[in-house]
Amino acid sequence: MKKYIFYLATVLFLCMSIYFGGAVFFKFFFNSFVIETPDLSGLSFEQADSALKKADLVLKKAGEDFSQLTAGKVYSQMPEPGSKIKKGRTIRVWVSKGRKQVVVPNFSGMDLFNAKVLAERQGLIIKHISYTKKDVAYNKVITTDPAPGTVLYNTNIVSFLVSLPEDGDLIIMPELLGVDLWEARKTLSNYRLILGEIEYIDDVDLESNIVIDASVQSGERIKPGTVINLTISR
């Protein structure tokens, strides 16, 4: 009986040794290949590359974009800082192009249509168009907000103040239904009317850019400078 107990204790001791010894080995082996992702924010690409080489990691530039950081600095990375990763893994980074800036052009005196074209070319978005009577030709940009020459950082929003004609004789609203958008623009301009908002609606029976509806019915007597909204086929 004592001999049996001795053998049992010996086997149990060997099993525990193997188990705990294997667990310690596994933990040591696993941890020797796992590290935390370093924080590369604010480093130049060269500095980030040097830091990752020391950690046995590989750097790859994933792209560039505008940010609040100086041009050439890392502003984002994947995996994120502090992530548990294996050595040898590739870390992708995005490098800053600096703060995005747009200088507001001088739109004053420009026809609204031409001003819209220029704004689009400059990457500006027109947030709001206000109208007021002014002793200048109608449909001309009087001023902008922000003012011309303003440097916009990380935004591209601008608003227009546009002239309306002085009161005059009433005019008859022209027929616009069925004409294309370009022709409608010319007609409104010739009648001293202002093109307002454009709504696009899918219509399989019509070609694209055809006027489907207008906010004022043709034949109505209206003031020069009235804003006309159009519905266009897409």
C-alpha atoms as a PDB file:
ATOM      1  CA  MET A   1       0.000   0.000   0.000  1.00  0.00           C
ATOM      2  CA  LYS A   2       2.784   2.409   0.879  1.00  0.00           C
ATOM      3  CA  LYS A   3       4.569   1.487  -2.344  1.00  0.00           C
ATOM      4  CA  TYR A   4       1.411   2.284  -4.337  1.00  0.00           C
ATOM      5  CA  ILE A   5       1.023   5.665  -2.641  1.00  0.00           C
ATOM      6  CA  PHE A   6       4.671   6.453  -3.391  1.00  0.00           C
ATOM      7  CA  TYR A   7       4.240   5.689  -7.101  1.00  0.00           C
ATOM      8  CA  LEU A   8       1.055   7.765  -7.238  1.00  0.00           C
ATOM      9  CA  ALA A   9       2.735  10.741  -5.591  1.00  0.00           C
ATOM     10  CA  THR A  10       5.676  10.453  -7.987  1.00  0.00           C
ATOM     11  CA  VAL A  11       3.412  10.428 -11.050  1.00  0.00           C
ATOM     12  CA  LEU A  12       1.426  13.392  -9.716  1.00  0.00           C
ATOM     13  CA  PHE A  13       4.654  15.341  -9.083  1.00  0.00           C
ATOM     14  CA  LEU A  14       5.898  14.653 -12.611  1.00  0.00           C
ATOM     15  CA  CYS A  15       2.579  15.720 -14.137  1.00  0.00           C
ATOM     16  CA  MET A  16       2.556  18.973 -12.177  1.00  0.00           C
ATOM     17  CA  SER A  17       6.143  19.667 -13.150  1.00  0.00           C
ATOM     18  CA  ILE A  18       5.374  19.123 -16.808  1.00  0.00           C
ATOM     19  CA  TYR A  19       2.224  21.248 -16.628  1.00  0.00           C
ATOM     20  CA  PHE A  20       3.684  24.220 -14.778  1.00  0.00           C
ATOM     21  CA  GLY A  21       6.973  23.996 -16.611  1.00  0.00           C
ATOM     22  CA  GLY A  22       5.118  24.006 -19.944  1.00  0.00           C
ATOM     23  CA  ALA A  23       2.934  26.941 -18.875  1.00  0.00           C
ATOM     24  CA  VAL A  24       5.972  28.955 -17.863  1.00  0.00           C
ATOM     25  CA  PHE A  25       7.692  28.080 -21.139  1.00  0.00           C
ATOM     26  CA  PHE A  26       4.618  28.965 -23.173  1.00  0.00           C
ATOM     27  CA  LYS A  27       4.198  32.276 -21.376  1.00  0.00           C
ATOM     28  CA  PHE A  28       7.855  33.121 -21.867  1.00  0.00           C
ATOM     29  CA  PHE A  29       7.819  32.033 -25.527  1.00  0.00           C
ATOM     30  CA  PHE A  30       4.598  33.900 -26.334  1.00  0.00           C
ATOM     31  CA  ASN A  31       5.520  37.132 -24.568  1.00  0.00           C
ATOM     32  CA  SER A  32       8.891  37.250 -26.273  1.00  0.00           C
ATOM     33  CA  PHE A  33       7.081  37.805 -29.605  1.00  0.00           C
ATOM     34  CA  VAL A  34       4.292  40.156 -28.464  1.00  0.00           C
ATOM     35  CA  ILE A  35       4.734  43.906 -27.895  1.00  0.00           C
ATOM     36  CA  GLU A  36       2.628  47.052 -27.622  1.00  0.00           C
ATOM     37  CA  THR A  37       2.266  49.308 -30.653  1.00  0.00           C
ATOM     38  CA  PRO A  38       4.237  52.514 -29.986  1.00  0.00           C
ATOM     39  CA  ASP A  39       2.577  55.920 -30.374  1.00  0.00           C
ATOM     40  CA  LEU A  40       3.920  57.508 -33.561  1.00  0.00           C
ATOM     41  CA  SER A  41       1.758  60.665 -33.498  1.00  0.00           C
ATOM     42  CA  GLY A  42       3.720  63.835 -34.160  1.00  0.00           C
ATOM     43  CA  LEU A  43       6.814  62.012 -35.445  1.00  0.00           C
ATOM     44  CA  SER A  44       8.192  62.531 -38.905  1.00  0.00           C
ATOM     45  CA  PHE A  45       8.041  59.538 -41.230  1.00  0.00           C
ATOM     46  CA  GLU A  46      11.788  58.994 -40.773  1.00  0.00           C
ATOM     47  CA  GLN A  47      11.526  59.177 -36.973  1.00  0.00           C
ATOM     48  CA  ALA A  48       8.601  56.736 -36.994  1.00  0.00           C
ATOM     49  CA  ASP A  49      10.551  54.350 -39.232  1.00  0.00           C
ATOM     50  CA  SER A  50      13.541  54.445 -36.862  1.00  0.00           C
ATOM     51  CA  ALA A  51      11.309  53.839 -33.813  1.00  0.00           C
ATOM     52  CA  LEU A  52       9.622  50.831 -35.411  1.00  0.00           C
ATOM     53  CA  LYS A  53      12.891  49.258 -36.549  1.00  0.00           C
ATOM     54  CA  LYS A  54      14.056  49.240 -32.917  1.00  0.00           C
ATOM     55  CA  ALA A  55      10.829  47.426 -32.009  1.00  0.00           C
ATOM     56  CA  ASP A  56      11.181  44.911 -34.876  1.00  0.00           C
ATOM     57  CA  LEU A  57       8.179  46.389 -36.680  1.00  0.00           C
ATOM     58  CA  VAL A  58       7.718  47.526 -40.283  1.00  0.00           C
ATOM     59  CA  LEU A  59       6.457  50.981 -41.327  1.00  0.00           C
ATOM     60  CA  LYS A  60       4.252  51.666 -44.355  1.00  0.00           C
ATOM     61  CA  LYS A  61       2.789  55.009 -45.469  1.00  0.00           C
ATOM     62  CA  ALA A  62      -0.941  54.504 -46.110  1.00  0.00           C
ATOM     63  CA  GLY A  63      -1.693  58.020 -47.318  1.00  0.00           C
ATOM     64  CA  GLU A  64      -1.593  61.766 -46.767  1.00  0.00           C
ATOM     65  CA  ASP A  65      -4.274  64.280 -45.803  1.00  0.00           C
ATOM     66  CA  PHE A  66      -4.786  67.653 -44.161  1.00  0.00           C
ATOM     67  CA  SER A  67      -4.703  67.774 -40.356  1.00  0.00           C
ATOM     68  CA  GLN A  68      -3.878  70.078 -37.455  1.00  0.00           C
ATOM     69  CA  LEU A  69      -0.298  68.774 -37.373  1.00  0.00           C
ATOM     70  CA  THR A  70       2.648  70.213 -39.283  1.00  0.00           C
ATOM     71  CA  ALA A  71       3.218  68.857 -42.768  1.00  0.00           C
ATOM     72  CA  GLY A  72       5.246  65.639 -42.744  1.00  0.00           C
ATOM     73  CA  LYS A  73       4.121  64.523 -39.266  1.00  0.00           C
ATOM     74  CA  VAL A  74       2.266  61.267 -38.570  1.00  0.00           C
ATOM     75  CA  TYR A  75      -1.322  62.057 -37.521  1.00  0.00           C
ATOM     76  CA  SER A  76      -2.915  58.584 -37.571  1.00  0.00           C
ATOM     77  CA  GLN A  77      -1.822  54.946 -37.437  1.00  0.00           C
ATOM     78  CA  MET A  78      -3.175  51.415 -37.594  1.00  0.00           C
ATOM     79  CA  PRO A  79      -3.044  49.423 -35.329  1.00  0.00           C
ATOM     80  CA  GLU A  80      -3.639  52.116 -32.735  1.00  0.00           C
ATOM     81  CA  PRO A  81      -1.062  52.895 -30.027  1.00  0.00           C
ATOM     82  CA  GLY A  82      -1.043  50.380 -27.166  1.00  0.00           C
ATOM     83  CA  SER A  83      -2.414  47.483 -29.261  1.00  0.00           C
ATOM     84  CA  LYS A  84      -0.949  44.020 -28.578  1.00  0.00           C
ATOM     85  CA  ILE A  85       0.806  42.859 -31.739  1.00  0.00           C
ATOM     86  CA  LYS A  86       3.482  40.393 -32.819  1.00  0.00           C
ATOM     87  CA  LYS A  87       6.953  41.481 -33.760  1.00  0.00           C
ATOM     88  CA  GLY A  88       7.507  41.864 -37.473  1.00  0.00           C
ATOM     89  CA  ARG A  89       4.029  43.244 -38.123  1.00  0.00           C
ATOM     90  CA  THR A  90       3.480  46.189 -40.515  1.00  0.00           C
ATOM     91  CA  ILE A  91       2.220  49.457 -39.030  1.00  0.00           C
ATOM     92  CA  ARG A  92       0.371  51.733 -41.476  1.00  0.00           C
ATOM     93  CA  VAL A  93       0.546  55.481 -40.928  1.00  0.00           C
ATOM     94  CA  TRP A  94      -1.097  58.568 -42.433  1.00  0.00           C
ATOM     95  CA  VAL A  95       1.094  61.645 -42.834  1.00  0.00           C
ATOM     96  CA  SER A  96      -0.142  65.229 -42.481  1.00  0.00           C
ATOM     97  CA  LYS A  97      -0.160  67.646 -45.407  1.00  0.00           C
ATOM     98  CA  GLY A  98      -0.486  70.514 -42.935  1.00  0.00           C
ATOM     99  CA  ARG A  99      -3.578  72.572 -42.176  1.00  0.00           C
ATOM    100  CA  LYS A 100      -5.936  72.891 -45.104  1.00  0.00           C
ATOM    101  CA  GLN A 101      -6.287  76.484 -46.170  1.00  0.00           C
ATOM    102  CA  VAL A 102      -8.254  78.325 -48.843  1.00  0.00           C
ATOM    103  CA  VAL A 103      -8.023  82.044 -49.585  1.00  0.00           C
ATOM    104  CA  VAL A 104     -11.456  83.561 -50.303  1.00  0.00           C
ATOM    105  CA  PRO A 105     -11.332  85.197 -53.757  1.00  0.00           C
ATOM    106  CA  ASN A 106     -12.810  88.619 -54.461  1.00  0.00           C
ATOM    107  CA  PHE A 107     -16.240  87.783 -55.910  1.00  0.00           C
ATOM    108  CA  SER A 108     -17.495  91.389 -55.711  1.00  0.00           C
ATOM    109  CA  GLY A 109     -19.139  92.531 -58.951  1.00  0.00           C
ATOM    110  CA  MET A 110     -19.231  89.057 -60.434  1.00  0.00           C
ATOM    111  CA  ASP A 111     -22.405  87.579 -61.890  1.00  0.00           C
ATOM    112  CA  LEU A 112     -23.773  85.021 -59.444  1.00  0.00           C
ATOM    113  CA  PHE A 113     -23.487  82.160 -61.922  1.00  0.00           C
ATOM    114  CA  ASN A 114     -19.826  82.924 -62.647  1.00  0.00           C
ATOM    115  CA  ALA A 115     -19.167  83.367 -58.931  1.00  0.00           C
ATOM    116  CA  LYS A 116     -20.593  79.900 -58.279  1.00  0.00           C
ATOM    117  CA  VAL A 117     -18.304  78.425 -60.930  1.00  0.00           C
ATOM    118  CA  LEU A 118     -15.243  80.123 -59.428  1.00  0.00           C
ATOM    119  CA  ALA A 119     -16.213  79.026 -55.918  1.00  0.00           C
ATOM    120  CA  GLU A 120     -16.472  75.417 -57.081  1.00  0.00           C
ATOM    121  CA  ARG A 121     -13.061  75.589 -58.739  1.00  0.00           C
ATOM    122  CA  GLN A 122     -11.557  76.930 -55.511  1.00  0.00           C
ATOM    123  CA  GLY A 123     -13.106  74.090 -53.510  1.00  0.00           C
ATOM    124  CA  LEU A 124     -15.557  76.400 -51.723  1.00  0.00           C
ATOM    125  CA  ILE A 125     -19.108  75.495 -50.743  1.00  0.00           C
ATOM    126  CA  ILE A 126     -21.747  78.254 -50.822  1.00  0.00           C
ATOM    127  CA  LYS A 127     -23.650  77.939 -47.551  1.00  0.00           C
ATOM    128  CA  HIS A 128     -26.176  80.727 -48.065  1.00  0.00           C
ATOM    129  CA  ILE A 129     -27.161  83.359 -50.636  1.00  0.00           C
ATOM    130  CA  SER A 130     -28.853  86.527 -49.403  1.00  0.00           C
ATOM    131  CA  TYR A 131     -30.410  89.192 -51.626  1.00  0.00           C
ATOM    132  CA  THR A 132     -30.704  92.935 -51.183  1.00  0.00           C
ATOM    133  CA  LYS A 133     -31.552  95.917 -53.365  1.00  0.00           C
ATOM    134  CA  LYS A 134     -28.463  97.772 -54.469  1.00  0.00           C
ATOM    135  CA  ASP A 135     -27.675 100.452 -56.998  1.00  0.00           C
ATOM    136  CA  VAL A 136     -25.711  98.001 -59.155  1.00  0.00           C
ATOM    137  CA  ALA A 137     -26.618  95.570 -61.918  1.00  0.00           C
ATOM    138  CA  TYR A 138     -28.900  92.828 -60.686  1.00  0.00           C
ATOM    139  CA  ASN A 139     -27.672  89.351 -59.742  1.00  0.00           C
ATOM    140  CA  LYS A 140     -24.182  90.628 -58.918  1.00  0.00           C
ATOM    141  CA  VAL A 141     -22.212  89.588 -55.843  1.00  0.00           C
ATOM    142  CA  ILE A 142     -21.945  92.558 -53.476  1.00  0.00           C
ATOM    143  CA  THR A 143     -19.798  90.942 -50.786  1.00  0.00           C
ATOM    144  CA  THR A 144     -19.010  87.620 -49.155  1.00  0.00           C
ATOM    145  CA  ASP A 145     -18.768  86.199 -45.678  1.00  0.00           C
ATOM    146  CA  PRO A 146     -15.919  85.639 -44.889  1.00  0.00           C
ATOM    147  CA  ALA A 147     -14.502  88.707 -46.636  1.00  0.00           C
ATOM    148  CA  PRO A 148     -12.232  88.453 -49.696  1.00  0.00           C
ATOM    149  CA  GLY A 149      -8.656  87.578 -48.797  1.00  0.00           C
ATOM    150  CA  THR A 150      -9.635  85.682 -45.646  1.00  0.00           C
ATOM    151  CA  VAL A 151      -7.624  82.488 -45.161  1.00  0.00           C
ATOM    152  CA  LEU A 152      -9.886  79.571 -44.248  1.00  0.00           C
ATOM    153  CA  TYR A 153      -8.348  76.712 -42.272  1.00  0.00           C
ATOM    154  CA  ASN A 154     -10.006  73.283 -42.343  1.00  0.00           C
ATOM    155  CA  THR A 155     -13.239  74.751 -43.700  1.00  0.00           C
ATOM    156  CA  ASN A 156     -14.482  75.786 -47.128  1.00  0.00           C
ATOM    157  CA  ILE A 157     -17.791  77.513 -46.366  1.00  0.00           C
ATOM    158  CA  VAL A 158     -18.683  80.913 -47.830  1.00  0.00           C
ATOM    159  CA  SER A 159     -21.905  82.954 -48.120  1.00  0.00           C
ATOM    160  CA  PHE A 160     -22.883  85.518 -50.767  1.00  0.00           C
ATOM    161  CA  LEU A 161     -24.804  88.784 -50.619  1.00  0.00           C
ATOM    162  CA  VAL A 162     -26.305  89.374 -54.093  1.00  0.00           C
ATOM    163  CA  SER A 163     -27.984  92.415 -55.621  1.00  0.00           C
ATOM    164  CA  LEU A 164     -31.657  92.651 -56.534  1.00  0.00           C
ATOM    165  CA  PRO A 165     -32.838  95.173 -59.131  1.00  0.00           C
ATOM    166  CA  GLU A 166     -34.729  98.275 -58.074  1.00  0.00           C
ATOM    167  CA  ASP A 167     -38.510  98.115 -58.386  1.00  0.00           C
ATOM    168  CA  GLY A 168     -39.683  98.445 -61.975  1.00  0.00           C
ATOM    169  CA  ASP A 169     -42.459  97.342 -64.270  1.00  0.00           C
ATOM    170  CA  LEU A 170     -43.783  93.836 -63.737  1.00  0.00           C
ATOM    171  CA  ILE A 171     -42.659  91.204 -66.205  1.00  0.00           C
ATOM    172  CA  ILE A 172     -44.332  88.029 -67.407  1.00  0.00           C
ATOM    173  CA  MET A 173     -42.833  84.745 -66.174  1.00  0.00           C
ATOM    174  CA  PRO A 174     -41.425  82.910 -69.234  1.00  0.00           C
ATOM    175  CA  GLU A 175     -42.203  79.292 -70.080  1.00  0.00           C
ATOM    176  CA  LEU A 176     -39.346  77.065 -68.908  1.00  0.00           C
ATOM    177  CA  LEU A 177     -40.913  73.609 -68.833  1.00  0.00           C
ATOM    178  CA  GLY A 178     -39.230  71.209 -71.215  1.00  0.00           C
ATOM    179  CA  VAL A 179     -36.108  73.266 -71.864  1.00  0.00           C
ATOM    180  CA  ASP A 180     -32.663  72.216 -70.680  1.00  0.00           C
ATOM    181  CA  LEU A 181     -31.057  73.778 -67.619  1.00  0.00           C
ATOM    182  CA  TRP A 182     -28.537  75.837 -69.586  1.00  0.00           C
ATOM    183  CA  GLU A 183     -31.256  77.418 -71.703  1.00  0.00           C
ATOM    184  CA  ALA A 184     -33.344  78.049 -68.579  1.00  0.00           C
ATOM    185  CA  ARG A 185     -30.415  79.930 -67.004  1.00  0.00           C
ATOM    186  CA  LYS A 186     -30.103  82.157 -70.084  1.00  0.00           C
ATOM    187  CA  THR A 187     -33.847  82.827 -70.201  1.00  0.00           C
ATOM    188  CA  LEU A 188     -34.011  83.787 -66.518  1.00  0.00           C
ATOM    189  CA  SER A 189     -31.041  86.102 -66.970  1.00  0.00           C
ATOM    190  CA  ASN A 190     -32.623  87.760 -70.016  1.00  0.00           C
ATOM    191  CA  TYR A 191     -35.842  88.343 -68.065  1.00  0.00           C
ATOM    192  CA  ARG A 192     -33.907  89.748 -65.074  1.00  0.00           C
ATOM    193  CA  LEU A 193     -34.939  86.824 -62.895  1.00  0.00           C
ATOM    194  CA  ILE A 194     -32.707  84.942 -60.477  1.00  0.00           C
ATOM    195  CA  LEU A 195     -32.135  81.205 -60.472  1.00  0.00           C
ATOM    196  CA  GLY A 196     -32.633  79.892 -56.961  1.00  0.00           C
ATOM    197  CA  GLU A 197     -32.503  76.316 -55.668  1.00  0.00           C
ATOM    198  CA  ILE A 198     -32.368  73.373 -58.057  1.00  0.00           C
ATOM    199  CA  GLU A 199     -33.988  70.057 -57.123  1.00  0.00           C
ATOM    200  CA  TYR A 200     -33.143  66.957 -59.139  1.00  0.00           C
ATOM    201  CA  ILE A 201     -35.708  64.173 -59.635  1.00  0.00           C
ATOM    202  CA  ASP A 202     -35.271  60.883 -61.483  1.00  0.00           C
ATOM    203  CA  ASP A 203     -37.459  60.734 -64.598  1.00  0.00           C
ATOM    204  CA  VAL A 204     -36.933  57.853 -67.021  1.00  0.00           C
ATOM    205  CA  ASP A 205     -39.141  59.498 -69.645  1.00  0.00           C
ATOM    206  CA  LEU A 206     -36.944  62.579 -70.030  1.00  0.00           C
ATOM    207  CA  GLU A 207     -33.352  63.307 -70.835  1.00  0.00           C
ATOM    208  CA  SER A 208     -31.229  64.604 -67.986  1.00  0.00           C
ATOM    209  CA  ASN A 209     -31.123  68.333 -67.109  1.00  0.00           C
ATOM    210  CA  ILE A 210     -34.626  69.127 -68.408  1.00  0.00           C
ATOM    211  CA  VAL A 211     -36.878  71.542 -66.477  1.00  0.00           C
ATOM    212  CA  ILE A 212     -39.850  69.645 -65.028  1.00  0.00           C
ATOM    213  CA  ASP A 213     -41.314  72.371 -62.816  1.00  0.00           C
ATOM    214  CA  ALA A 214     -40.717  75.953 -61.655  1.00  0.00           C
ATOM    215  CA  SER A 215     -41.714  77.742 -58.458  1.00  0.00           C
ATOM    216  CA  VAL A 216     -43.613  80.367 -60.514  1.00  0.00           C
ATOM    217  CA  GLN A 217     -46.102  79.444 -63.227  1.00  0.00           C
ATOM    218  CA  SER A 218     -45.457  80.759 -66.722  1.00  0.00           C
ATOM    219  CA  GLY A 219     -47.583  83.787 -67.622  1.00  0.00           C
ATOM    220  CA  GLU A 220     -47.663  85.202 -64.084  1.00  0.00           C
ATOM    221  CA  ARG A 221     -46.723  88.869 -63.673  1.00  0.00           C
ATOM    222  CA  ILE A 222     -43.800  89.174 -61.276  1.00  0.00           C
ATOM    223  CA  LYS A 223     -41.168  91.708 -60.234  1.00  0.00           C
ATOM    224  CA  PRO A 224     -37.706  91.708 -61.806  1.00  0.00           C
ATOM    225  CA  GLY A 225     -35.252  89.986 -59.486  1.00  0.00           C
ATOM    226  CA  THR A 226     -37.737  87.336 -58.330  1.00  0.00           C
ATOM    227  CA  VAL A 227     -35.979  84.128 -57.298  1.00  0.00           C
ATOM    228  CA  ILE A 228     -37.144  81.120 -59.355  1.00  0.00           C
ATOM    229  CA  ASN A 229     -36.566  77.602 -58.045  1.00  0.00           C
ATOM    230  CA  LEU A 230     -36.462  74.795 -60.581  1.00  0.00           C
ATOM    231  CA  THR A 231     -37.054  71.042 -60.589  1.00  0.00           C
ATOM    232  CA  ILE A 232     -34.760  69.271 -63.042  1.00  0.00           C
ATOM    233  CA  SER A 233     -34.725  65.707 -64.428  1.00  0.00           C
ATOM    234  CA  ARG A 234     -31.755  63.532 -63.600  1.00  0.00           C
END
